[in-house]
Amino acid sequence: MVNPLSLVGATSATAMKQFNIHEAKARLSSLVDQAARGKSVIIAKSGTPLARLGPINESPGTKVRFGLLKGEITIADDFDDPLPEAILRAFEGE
């Protein structure tokens, strides 16, 4: 028998609860509340796991920090100059 947790990429030692589609529909609001608190559940059809409902993992460190690489990157003075004719012809397949 296939372990349902292996089908959804679970890495924690605790098993996720599994609900059939009918029960998940009836308890959707409660299941979404659980997901918001960090818990995941498996939704199955006829005992076969099909989907996982879980939290959206947004870590606070994902915001863009402008200037993070200041002084680490250099851009050539001719960066936006027109390309040489030979390179332009190559792009056009000539």
C-alpha atoms as a PDB file:
ATOM      1  CA  MET A   1       0.000   0.000   0.000  1.00  0.00           C
ATOM      2  CA  VAL A   2       1.254   3.487  -0.876  1.00  0.00           C
ATOM      3  CA  ASN A   3       1.806   5.897   1.990  1.00  0.00           C
ATOM      4  CA  PRO A   4      -0.414   8.936   1.238  1.00  0.00           C
ATOM      5  CA  LEU A   5       2.168  11.253   2.778  1.00  0.00           C
ATOM      6  CA  SER A   6       4.737  10.241   0.188  1.00  0.00           C
ATOM      7  CA  LEU A   7       2.382  11.433  -2.548  1.00  0.00           C
ATOM      8  CA  VAL A   8       2.177  14.978  -1.246  1.00  0.00           C
ATOM      9  CA  GLY A   9       5.794  15.598  -0.321  1.00  0.00           C
ATOM     10  CA  ALA A  10       5.264  15.640   3.431  1.00  0.00           C
ATOM     11  CA  THR A  11       8.451  15.877   5.411  1.00  0.00           C
ATOM     12  CA  SER A  12       7.194  16.075   8.959  1.00  0.00           C
ATOM     13  CA  ALA A  13       7.035  13.085  11.225  1.00  0.00           C
ATOM     14  CA  THR A  14       3.402  13.788  12.113  1.00  0.00           C
ATOM     15  CA  ALA A  15       0.760  12.389   9.781  1.00  0.00           C
ATOM     16  CA  MET A  16      -1.623  14.733   8.032  1.00  0.00           C
ATOM     17  CA  LYS A  17      -5.326  14.076   8.437  1.00  0.00           C
ATOM     18  CA  GLN A  18      -7.108  12.810   5.352  1.00  0.00           C
ATOM     19  CA  PHE A  19     -10.650  13.783   4.372  1.00  0.00           C
ATOM     20  CA  ASN A  20     -12.761  12.538   1.505  1.00  0.00           C
ATOM     21  CA  ILE A  21     -14.072  15.160  -0.887  1.00  0.00           C
ATOM     22  CA  HIS A  22     -17.615  15.104   0.514  1.00  0.00           C
ATOM     23  CA  GLU A  23     -16.400  15.671   4.075  1.00  0.00           C
ATOM     24  CA  ALA A  24     -13.894  18.325   2.946  1.00  0.00           C
ATOM     25  CA  LYS A  25     -16.709  20.251   1.231  1.00  0.00           C
ATOM     26  CA  ALA A  26     -18.799  20.138   4.388  1.00  0.00           C
ATOM     27  CA  ARG A  27     -15.859  21.278   6.563  1.00  0.00           C
ATOM     28  CA  LEU A  28     -14.124  23.650   4.119  1.00  0.00           C
ATOM     29  CA  SER A  29     -14.258  26.690   6.378  1.00  0.00           C
ATOM     30  CA  SER A  30     -12.779  24.729   9.280  1.00  0.00           C
ATOM     31  CA  LEU A  31     -10.087  23.195   7.068  1.00  0.00           C
ATOM     32  CA  VAL A  32      -9.090  26.613   5.718  1.00  0.00           C
ATOM     33  CA  ASP A  33      -8.830  27.887   9.303  1.00  0.00           C
ATOM     34  CA  GLN A  34      -6.525  24.962  10.102  1.00  0.00           C
ATOM     35  CA  ALA A  35      -4.398  25.764   7.059  1.00  0.00           C
ATOM     36  CA  ALA A  36      -4.140  29.389   8.177  1.00  0.00           C
ATOM     37  CA  ARG A  37      -2.783  28.092  11.501  1.00  0.00           C
ATOM     38  CA  GLY A  38      -0.094  26.100   9.680  1.00  0.00           C
ATOM     39  CA  LYS A  39      -1.663  22.639   9.461  1.00  0.00           C
ATOM     40  CA  SER A  40      -2.065  20.701   6.228  1.00  0.00           C
ATOM     41  CA  VAL A  41      -4.729  18.139   5.341  1.00  0.00           C
ATOM     42  CA  ILE A  42      -5.038  15.668   2.496  1.00  0.00           C
ATOM     43  CA  ILE A  43      -8.173  15.563   0.359  1.00  0.00           C
ATOM     44  CA  ALA A  44      -8.941  12.148  -1.128  1.00  0.00           C
ATOM     45  CA  LYS A  45     -11.449  10.603  -3.494  1.00  0.00           C
ATOM     46  CA  SER A  46     -12.441   7.006  -2.776  1.00  0.00           C
ATOM     47  CA  GLY A  47      -9.491   6.770  -0.392  1.00  0.00           C
ATOM     48  CA  THR A  48      -6.945   7.925  -2.999  1.00  0.00           C
ATOM     49  CA  PRO A  49      -5.106  11.124  -2.001  1.00  0.00           C
ATOM     50  CA  LEU A  50      -5.560  13.793  -4.676  1.00  0.00           C
ATOM     51  CA  ALA A  51      -4.686  17.133  -3.134  1.00  0.00           C
ATOM     52  CA  ARG A  52      -3.192  18.818  -0.114  1.00  0.00           C
ATOM     53  CA  LEU A  53      -4.680  21.884   1.546  1.00  0.00           C
ATOM     54  CA  GLY A  54      -2.095  23.765   3.536  1.00  0.00           C
ATOM     55  CA  PRO A  55      -0.732  27.125   4.565  1.00  0.00           C
ATOM     56  CA  ILE A  56       0.800  29.593   2.164  1.00  0.00           C
ATOM     57  CA  ASN A  57       4.393  29.814   3.286  1.00  0.00           C
ATOM     58  CA  GLU A  58       5.438  33.419   3.119  1.00  0.00           C
ATOM     59  CA  SER A  59       8.544  34.079   5.100  1.00  0.00           C
ATOM     60  CA  PRO A  60       9.124  37.646   6.247  1.00  0.00           C
ATOM     61  CA  GLY A  61      12.567  37.647   4.614  1.00  0.00           C
ATOM     62  CA  THR A  62      11.178  37.492   1.070  1.00  0.00           C
ATOM     63  CA  LYS A  63      10.796  41.253   0.649  1.00  0.00           C
ATOM     64  CA  VAL A  64      13.068  42.959  -1.858  1.00  0.00           C
ATOM     65  CA  ARG A  65      15.870  44.866  -0.212  1.00  0.00           C
ATOM     66  CA  PHE A  66      17.066  47.537  -2.615  1.00  0.00           C
ATOM     67  CA  GLY A  67      20.766  48.313  -2.510  1.00  0.00           C
ATOM     68  CA  LEU A  68      21.673  44.909  -1.113  1.00  0.00           C
ATOM     69  CA  LEU A  69      24.439  44.435  -3.711  1.00  0.00           C
ATOM     70  CA  LYS A  70      25.543  48.064  -3.906  1.00  0.00           C
ATOM     71  CA  GLY A  71      29.203  48.136  -4.899  1.00  0.00           C
ATOM     72  CA  GLU A  72      29.190  44.423  -5.842  1.00  0.00           C
ATOM     73  CA  ILE A  73      27.927  44.771  -9.419  1.00  0.00           C
ATOM     74  CA  THR A  74      29.325  46.956 -12.167  1.00  0.00           C
ATOM     75  CA  ILE A  75      27.666  47.817 -15.450  1.00  0.00           C
ATOM     76  CA  ALA A  76      29.859  48.762 -18.389  1.00  0.00           C
ATOM     77  CA  ASP A  77      29.543  52.312 -19.681  1.00  0.00           C
ATOM     78  CA  ASP A  78      28.639  50.977 -23.136  1.00  0.00           C
ATOM     79  CA  PHE A  79      25.936  48.630 -21.801  1.00  0.00           C
ATOM     80  CA  ASP A  80      23.118  50.264 -23.755  1.00  0.00           C
ATOM     81  CA  ASP A  81      25.092  51.204 -26.895  1.00  0.00           C
ATOM     82  CA  PRO A  82      23.805  49.801 -30.185  1.00  0.00           C
ATOM     83  CA  LEU A  83      25.057  46.305 -31.015  1.00  0.00           C
ATOM     84  CA  PRO A  84      27.682  45.838 -33.726  1.00  0.00           C
ATOM     85  CA  GLU A  85      26.306  45.073 -37.208  1.00  0.00           C
ATOM     86  CA  ALA A  86      27.672  41.494 -37.188  1.00  0.00           C
ATOM     87  CA  ILE A  87      25.767  40.637 -34.006  1.00  0.00           C
ATOM     88  CA  LEU A  88      22.553  42.263 -35.265  1.00  0.00           C
ATOM     89  CA  ARG A  89      22.781  40.196 -38.482  1.00  0.00           C
ATOM     90  CA  ALA A  90      23.301  37.040 -36.411  1.00  0.00           C
ATOM     91  CA  PHE A  91      20.104  37.771 -34.449  1.00  0.00           C
ATOM     92  CA  GLU A  92      18.263  38.176 -37.739  1.00  0.00           C
ATOM     93  CA  GLY A  93      19.582  34.849 -39.024  1.00  0.00           C
ATOM     94  CA  GLU A  94      21.874  36.272 -41.683  1.00  0.00           C
END
